[in-house]
């Protein structure tokens, strides 16, 4: 696996956060792109969001550096 395609699986941490009255569960983190795959709990859709859009308390738990 090349360094550009590294992904960190965060499902076992069960990190859930609330943003704009929607609950999300963090699935995977891509450090090279600084993005995350998150699952919308209500609809079970998986979307990709930038790391910068996470709440501060979740950023501290992931610690990308």
PDB file of N, CA and C in Angstrom:
ATOM      1  N   UNK A   1       0.856  -1.182   0.000  1.00  0.00           N
ATOM      2  CA  UNK A   1       0.000   0.000   0.000  1.00  0.00           C
ATOM      3  C   UNK A   1       0.894   1.235   0.000  1.00  0.00           C
ATOM      4  N   UNK A   2       0.630   2.133  -0.888  1.00  0.00           N
ATOM      5  CA  UNK A   2       1.441   3.337  -0.955  1.00  0.00           C
ATOM      6  C   UNK A   2       1.068   4.303   0.167  1.00  0.00           C
ATOM      7  N   UNK A   3       1.973   5.198   0.461  1.00  0.00           N
ATOM      8  CA  UNK A   3       1.757   6.145   1.549  1.00  0.00           C
ATOM      9  C   UNK A   3       0.583   7.081   1.279  1.00  0.00           C
ATOM     10  N   UNK A   4       0.283   7.374   0.020  1.00  0.00           N
ATOM     11  CA  UNK A   4      -0.812   8.281  -0.314  1.00  0.00           C
ATOM     12  C   UNK A   4      -2.186   7.685  -0.021  1.00  0.00           C
ATOM     13  N   UNK A   5      -2.271   6.368   0.058  1.00  0.00           N
ATOM     14  CA  UNK A   5      -3.563   5.723   0.252  1.00  0.00           C
ATOM     15  C   UNK A   5      -3.760   5.218   1.673  1.00  0.00           C
ATOM     16  N   UNK A   6      -3.018   5.737   2.622  1.00  0.00           N
ATOM     17  CA  UNK A   6      -3.145   5.284   4.002  1.00  0.00           C
ATOM     18  C   UNK A   6      -4.484   5.731   4.563  1.00  0.00           C
ATOM     19  N   UNK A   7      -5.155   4.810   5.237  1.00  0.00           N
ATOM     20  CA  UNK A   7      -6.414   5.137   5.900  1.00  0.00           C
ATOM     21  C   UNK A   7      -6.378   4.520   7.292  1.00  0.00           C
ATOM     22  N   UNK A   8      -6.922   5.235   8.247  1.00  0.00           N
ATOM     23  CA  UNK A   8      -6.964   4.764   9.620  1.00  0.00           C
ATOM     24  C   UNK A   8      -8.405   4.437   9.951  1.00  0.00           C
ATOM     25  N   UNK A   9      -8.635   3.202  10.331  1.00  0.00           N
ATOM     26  CA  UNK A   9      -9.986   2.760  10.658  1.00  0.00           C
ATOM     27  C   UNK A   9     -10.310   3.163  12.091  1.00  0.00           C
ATOM     28  N   UNK A  10     -11.345   3.978  12.277  1.00  0.00           N
ATOM     29  CA  UNK A  10     -11.719   4.491  13.592  1.00  0.00           C
ATOM     30  C   UNK A  10     -13.064   3.948  14.075  1.00  0.00           C
ATOM     31  N   UNK A  11     -13.581   2.931  13.412  1.00  0.00           N
ATOM     32  CA  UNK A  11     -14.889   2.387  13.792  1.00  0.00           C
ATOM     33  C   UNK A  11     -14.893   1.829  15.208  1.00  0.00           C
ATOM     34  N   UNK A  12     -13.786   1.220  15.631  1.00  0.00           N
ATOM     35  CA  UNK A  12     -13.752   0.597  16.949  1.00  0.00           C
ATOM     36  C   UNK A  12     -13.761   1.610  18.093  1.00  0.00           C
ATOM     37  N   UNK A  13     -13.488   2.889  17.807  1.00  0.00           N
ATOM     38  CA  UNK A  13     -13.520   3.929  18.843  1.00  0.00           C
ATOM     39  C   UNK A  13     -14.933   4.432  19.119  1.00  0.00           C
ATOM     40  N   UNK A  14     -15.861   4.166  18.212  1.00  0.00           N
ATOM     41  CA  UNK A  14     -17.255   4.602  18.344  1.00  0.00           C
ATOM     42  C   UNK A  14     -17.373   6.103  18.621  1.00  0.00           C
ATOM     43  N   UNK A  15     -16.696   6.902  17.821  1.00  0.00           N
ATOM     44  CA  UNK A  15     -16.747   8.355  17.958  1.00  0.00           C
ATOM     45  C   UNK A  15     -17.990   8.885  17.268  1.00  0.00           C
ATOM     46  N   UNK A  16     -18.868   9.485  18.037  1.00  0.00           N
ATOM     47  CA  UNK A  16     -20.110  10.052  17.522  1.00  0.00           C
ATOM     48  C   UNK A  16     -20.140  11.522  17.891  1.00  0.00           C
ATOM     49  N   UNK A  17     -20.535  12.361  16.931  1.00  0.00           N
ATOM     50  CA  UNK A  17     -20.661  13.789  17.214  1.00  0.00           C
ATOM     51  C   UNK A  17     -21.915  14.325  16.553  1.00  0.00           C
ATOM     52  N   UNK A  18     -22.333  15.472  17.028  1.00  0.00           N
ATOM     53  CA  UNK A  18     -23.561  16.115  16.567  1.00  0.00           C
ATOM     54  C   UNK A  18     -23.191  17.441  15.922  1.00  0.00           C
ATOM     55  N   UNK A  19     -23.675  17.658  14.691  1.00  0.00           N
ATOM     56  CA  UNK A  19     -23.396  18.902  13.985  1.00  0.00           C
ATOM     57  C   UNK A  19     -24.678  19.303  13.261  1.00  0.00           C
ATOM     58  N   UNK A  20     -25.204  20.476  13.575  1.00  0.00           N
ATOM     59  CA  UNK A  20     -26.437  20.981  12.979  1.00  0.00           C
ATOM     60  C   UNK A  20     -27.599  20.005  13.173  1.00  0.00           C
ATOM     61  N   UNK A  21     -27.701  19.473  14.385  1.00  0.00           N
ATOM     62  CA  UNK A  21     -28.772  18.553  14.784  1.00  0.00           C
ATOM     63  C   UNK A  21     -28.788  17.248  13.987  1.00  0.00           C
ATOM     64  N   UNK A  22     -27.658  16.860  13.439  1.00  0.00           N
ATOM     65  CA  UNK A  22     -27.513  15.581  12.747  1.00  0.00           C
ATOM     66  C   UNK A  22     -26.377  14.823  13.425  1.00  0.00           C
ATOM     67  N   UNK A  23     -26.610  13.556  13.760  1.00  0.00           N
ATOM     68  CA  UNK A  23     -25.589  12.743  14.414  1.00  0.00           C
ATOM     69  C   UNK A  23     -24.767  12.001  13.373  1.00  0.00           C
ATOM     70  N   UNK A  24     -23.437  12.015  13.585  1.00  0.00           N
ATOM     71  CA  UNK A  24     -22.490  11.365  12.694  1.00  0.00           C
ATOM     72  C   UNK A  24     -21.625  10.402  13.479  1.00  0.00           C
ATOM     73  N   UNK A  25     -21.237   9.314  12.844  1.00  0.00           N
ATOM     74  CA  UNK A  25     -20.287   8.367  13.422  1.00  0.00           C
ATOM     75  C   UNK A  25     -19.065   8.322  12.516  1.00  0.00           C
ATOM     76  N   UNK A  26     -17.881   8.470  13.100  1.00  0.00           N
ATOM     77  CA  UNK A  26     -16.646   8.495  12.316  1.00  0.00           C
ATOM     78  C   UNK A  26     -16.251   7.073  11.941  1.00  0.00           C
ATOM     79  N   UNK A  27     -15.964   6.874  10.653  1.00  0.00           N
ATOM     80  CA  UNK A  27     -15.607   5.555  10.145  1.00  0.00           C
ATOM     81  C   UNK A  27     -14.108   5.439   9.858  1.00  0.00           C
ATOM     82  N   UNK A  28     -13.594   6.281   8.957  1.00  0.00           N
ATOM     83  CA  UNK A  28     -12.187   6.217   8.547  1.00  0.00           C
ATOM     84  C   UNK A  28     -11.602   7.614   8.455  1.00  0.00           C
ATOM     85  N   UNK A  29     -10.291   7.701   8.676  1.00  0.00           N
ATOM     86  CA  UNK A  29      -9.558   8.959   8.572  1.00  0.00           C
ATOM     87  C   UNK A  29      -8.457   8.783   7.540  1.00  0.00           C
ATOM     88  N   UNK A  30      -8.351   9.743   6.625  1.00  0.00           N
ATOM     89  CA  UNK A  30      -7.329   9.745   5.583  1.00  0.00           C
ATOM     90  C   UNK A  30      -6.344  10.877   5.872  1.00  0.00           C
ATOM     91  N   UNK A  31      -5.198  10.588   6.512  1.00  0.00           N
ATOM     92  CA  UNK A  31      -4.277  11.658   6.908  1.00  0.00           C
ATOM     93  C   UNK A  31      -3.649  12.408   5.733  1.00  0.00           C
ATOM     94  N   UNK A  32      -3.449  11.754   4.595  1.00  0.00           N
ATOM     95  CA  UNK A  32      -2.820  12.439   3.463  1.00  0.00           C
ATOM     96  C   UNK A  32      -3.716  13.541   2.900  1.00  0.00           C
ATOM     97  N   UNK A  33      -5.051  13.332   2.941  1.00  0.00           N
ATOM     98  CA  UNK A  33      -5.999  14.328   2.438  1.00  0.00           C
ATOM     99  C   UNK A  33      -6.660  15.115   3.557  1.00  0.00           C
ATOM    100  N   UNK A  34      -6.443  14.684   4.824  1.00  0.00           N
ATOM    101  CA  UNK A  34      -7.060  15.300   6.005  1.00  0.00           C
ATOM    102  C   UNK A  34      -8.584  15.320   5.870  1.00  0.00           C
ATOM    103  N   UNK A  35      -9.149  14.182   5.479  1.00  0.00           N
ATOM    104  CA  UNK A  35     -10.595  14.032   5.383  1.00  0.00           C
ATOM    105  C   UNK A  35     -11.021  12.792   6.159  1.00  0.00           C
ATOM    106  N   UNK A  36     -12.318  12.709   6.427  1.00  0.00           N
ATOM    107  CA  UNK A  36     -12.878  11.571   7.144  1.00  0.00           C
ATOM    108  C   UNK A  36     -14.100  11.047   6.421  1.00  0.00           C
ATOM    109  N   UNK A  37     -14.291   9.753   6.511  1.00  0.00           N
ATOM    110  CA  UNK A  37     -15.553   9.151   6.097  1.00  0.00           C
ATOM    111  C   UNK A  37     -16.407   9.059   7.350  1.00  0.00           C
ATOM    112  N   UNK A  38     -17.593   9.631   7.288  1.00  0.00           N
ATOM    113  CA  UNK A  38     -18.503   9.582   8.423  1.00  0.00           C
ATOM    114  C   UNK A  38     -19.838   9.021   7.959  1.00  0.00           C
ATOM    115  N   UNK A  39     -20.526   8.363   8.873  1.00  0.00           N
ATOM    116  CA  UNK A  39     -21.824   7.795   8.586  1.00  0.00           C
ATOM    117  C   UNK A  39     -22.894   8.644   9.255  1.00  0.00           C
ATOM    118  N   UNK A  40     -23.890   9.052   8.489  1.00  0.00           N
ATOM    119  CA  UNK A  40     -25.037   9.752   9.055  1.00  0.00           C
ATOM    120  C   UNK A  40     -25.883   8.681   9.739  1.00  0.00           C
ATOM    121  N   UNK A  41     -26.043   8.785  11.048  1.00  0.00           N
ATOM    122  CA  UNK A  41     -26.667   7.711  11.818  1.00  0.00           C
ATOM    123  C   UNK A  41     -28.108   7.459  11.398  1.00  0.00           C
ATOM    124  N   UNK A  42     -28.876   8.480  11.138  1.00  0.00           N
ATOM    125  CA  UNK A  42     -30.293   8.299  10.794  1.00  0.00           C
ATOM    126  C   UNK A  42     -30.503   7.611   9.450  1.00  0.00           C
ATOM    127  N   UNK A  43     -29.706   7.972   8.463  1.00  0.00           N
ATOM    128  CA  UNK A  43     -29.929   7.466   7.104  1.00  0.00           C
ATOM    129  C   UNK A  43     -28.945   6.394   6.676  1.00  0.00           C
ATOM    130  N   UNK A  44     -27.895   6.169   7.458  1.00  0.00           N
ATOM    131  CA  UNK A  44     -26.847   5.182   7.137  1.00  0.00           C
ATOM    132  C   UNK A  44     -26.061   5.540   5.883  1.00  0.00           C
ATOM    133  N   UNK A  45     -26.090   6.807   5.470  1.00  0.00           N
ATOM    134  CA  UNK A  45     -25.288   7.265   4.343  1.00  0.00           C
ATOM    135  C   UNK A  45     -23.867   7.541   4.819  1.00  0.00           C
ATOM    136  N   UNK A  46     -22.886   7.252   3.965  1.00  0.00           N
ATOM    137  CA  UNK A  46     -21.491   7.547   4.283  1.00  0.00           C
ATOM    138  C   UNK A  46     -21.056   8.707   3.406  1.00  0.00           C
ATOM    139  N   UNK A  47     -20.551   9.763   4.070  1.00  0.00           N
ATOM    140  CA  UNK A  47     -20.086  10.946   3.348  1.00  0.00           C
ATOM    141  C   UNK A  47     -18.656  11.245   3.759  1.00  0.00           C
ATOM    142  N   UNK A  48     -17.980  12.051   2.974  1.00  0.00           N
ATOM    143  CA  UNK A  48     -16.603  12.444   3.238  1.00  0.00           C
ATOM    144  C   UNK A  48     -16.595  13.912   3.630  1.00  0.00           C
ATOM    145  N   UNK A  49     -16.004  14.234   4.800  1.00  0.00           N
ATOM    146  CA  UNK A  49     -15.940  15.626   5.247  1.00  0.00           C
ATOM    147  C   UNK A  49     -14.498  15.988   5.598  1.00  0.00           C
ATOM    148  N   UNK A  50     -14.134  17.262   5.512  1.00  0.00           N
ATOM    149  CA  UNK A  50     -12.793  17.700   5.890  1.00  0.00           C
ATOM    150  C   UNK A  50     -12.600  17.642   7.403  1.00  0.00           C
ATOM    151  N   UNK A  51     -11.371  17.367   7.808  1.00  0.00           N
ATOM    152  CA  UNK A  51     -11.025  17.296   9.223  1.00  0.00           C
ATOM    153  C   UNK A  51     -11.297  18.629   9.922  1.00  0.00           C
ATOM    154  N   UNK A  52     -11.096  19.721   9.229  1.00  0.00           N
ATOM    155  CA  UNK A  52     -11.257  21.056   9.818  1.00  0.00           C
ATOM    156  C   UNK A  52     -12.696  21.342  10.246  1.00  0.00           C
ATOM    157  N   UNK A  53     -13.670  20.623   9.724  1.00  0.00           N
ATOM    158  CA  UNK A  53     -15.070  20.873  10.065  1.00  0.00           C
ATOM    159  C   UNK A  53     -15.541  20.135  11.309  1.00  0.00           C
ATOM    160  N   UNK A  54     -14.668  19.329  11.899  1.00  0.00           N
ATOM    161  CA  UNK A  54     -15.044  18.582  13.103  1.00  0.00           C
ATOM    162  C   UNK A  54     -15.061  19.487  14.328  1.00  0.00           C
ATOM    163  N   UNK A  55     -15.844  19.131  15.340  1.00  0.00           N
ATOM    164  CA  UNK A  55     -15.789  19.862  16.616  1.00  0.00           C
ATOM    165  C   UNK A  55     -14.424  19.651  17.289  1.00  0.00           C
ATOM    166  N   UNK A  56     -14.006  20.627  18.103  1.00  0.00           N
ATOM    167  CA  UNK A  56     -12.685  20.580  18.722  1.00  0.00           C
ATOM    168  C   UNK A  56     -12.469  19.344  19.584  1.00  0.00           C
ATOM    169  N   UNK A  57     -13.489  18.929  20.325  1.00  0.00           N
ATOM    170  CA  UNK A  57     -13.296  17.780  21.216  1.00  0.00           C
ATOM    171  C   UNK A  57     -13.050  16.492  20.435  1.00  0.00           C
ATOM    172  N   UNK A  58     -13.596  16.371  19.239  1.00  0.00           N
ATOM    173  CA  UNK A  58     -13.348  15.196  18.404  1.00  0.00           C
ATOM    174  C   UNK A  58     -11.962  15.284  17.774  1.00  0.00           C
ATOM    175  N   UNK A  59     -11.540  16.471  17.364  1.00  0.00           N
ATOM    176  CA  UNK A  59     -10.199  16.653  16.810  1.00  0.00           C
ATOM    177  C   UNK A  59      -9.128  16.225  17.805  1.00  0.00           C
ATOM    178  N   UNK A  60      -9.337  16.532  19.071  1.00  0.00           N
ATOM    179  CA  UNK A  60      -8.359  16.160  20.093  1.00  0.00           C
ATOM    180  C   UNK A  60      -8.269  14.653  20.262  1.00  0.00           C
ATOM    181  N   UNK A  61      -9.349  13.951  20.051  1.00  0.00           N
ATOM    182  CA  UNK A  61      -9.344  12.495  20.186  1.00  0.00           C
ATOM    183  C   UNK A  61      -8.642  11.803  19.012  1.00  0.00           C
ATOM    184  N   UNK A  62      -8.736  12.384  17.819  1.00  0.00           N
ATOM    185  CA  UNK A  62      -8.137  11.769  16.635  1.00  0.00           C
ATOM    186  C   UNK A  62      -6.638  12.076  16.550  1.00  0.00           C
ATOM    187  N   UNK A  63      -6.219  13.298  16.842  1.00  0.00           N
ATOM    188  CA  UNK A  63      -4.818  13.723  16.833  1.00  0.00           C
ATOM    189  C   UNK A  63      -4.094  13.302  15.549  1.00  0.00           C
ATOM    190  N   UNK A  64      -4.254  14.049  14.478  1.00  0.00           N
ATOM    191  CA  UNK A  64      -3.661  13.655  13.189  1.00  0.00           C
ATOM    192  C   UNK A  64      -2.145  13.721  13.154  1.00  0.00           C
ATOM    193  N   UNK A  65      -1.522  14.511  13.985  1.00  0.00           N
ATOM    194  CA  UNK A  65      -0.046  14.638  13.940  1.00  0.00           C
ATOM    195  C   UNK A  65       0.606  13.794  14.980  1.00  0.00           C
TER     196      UNK A  65
END
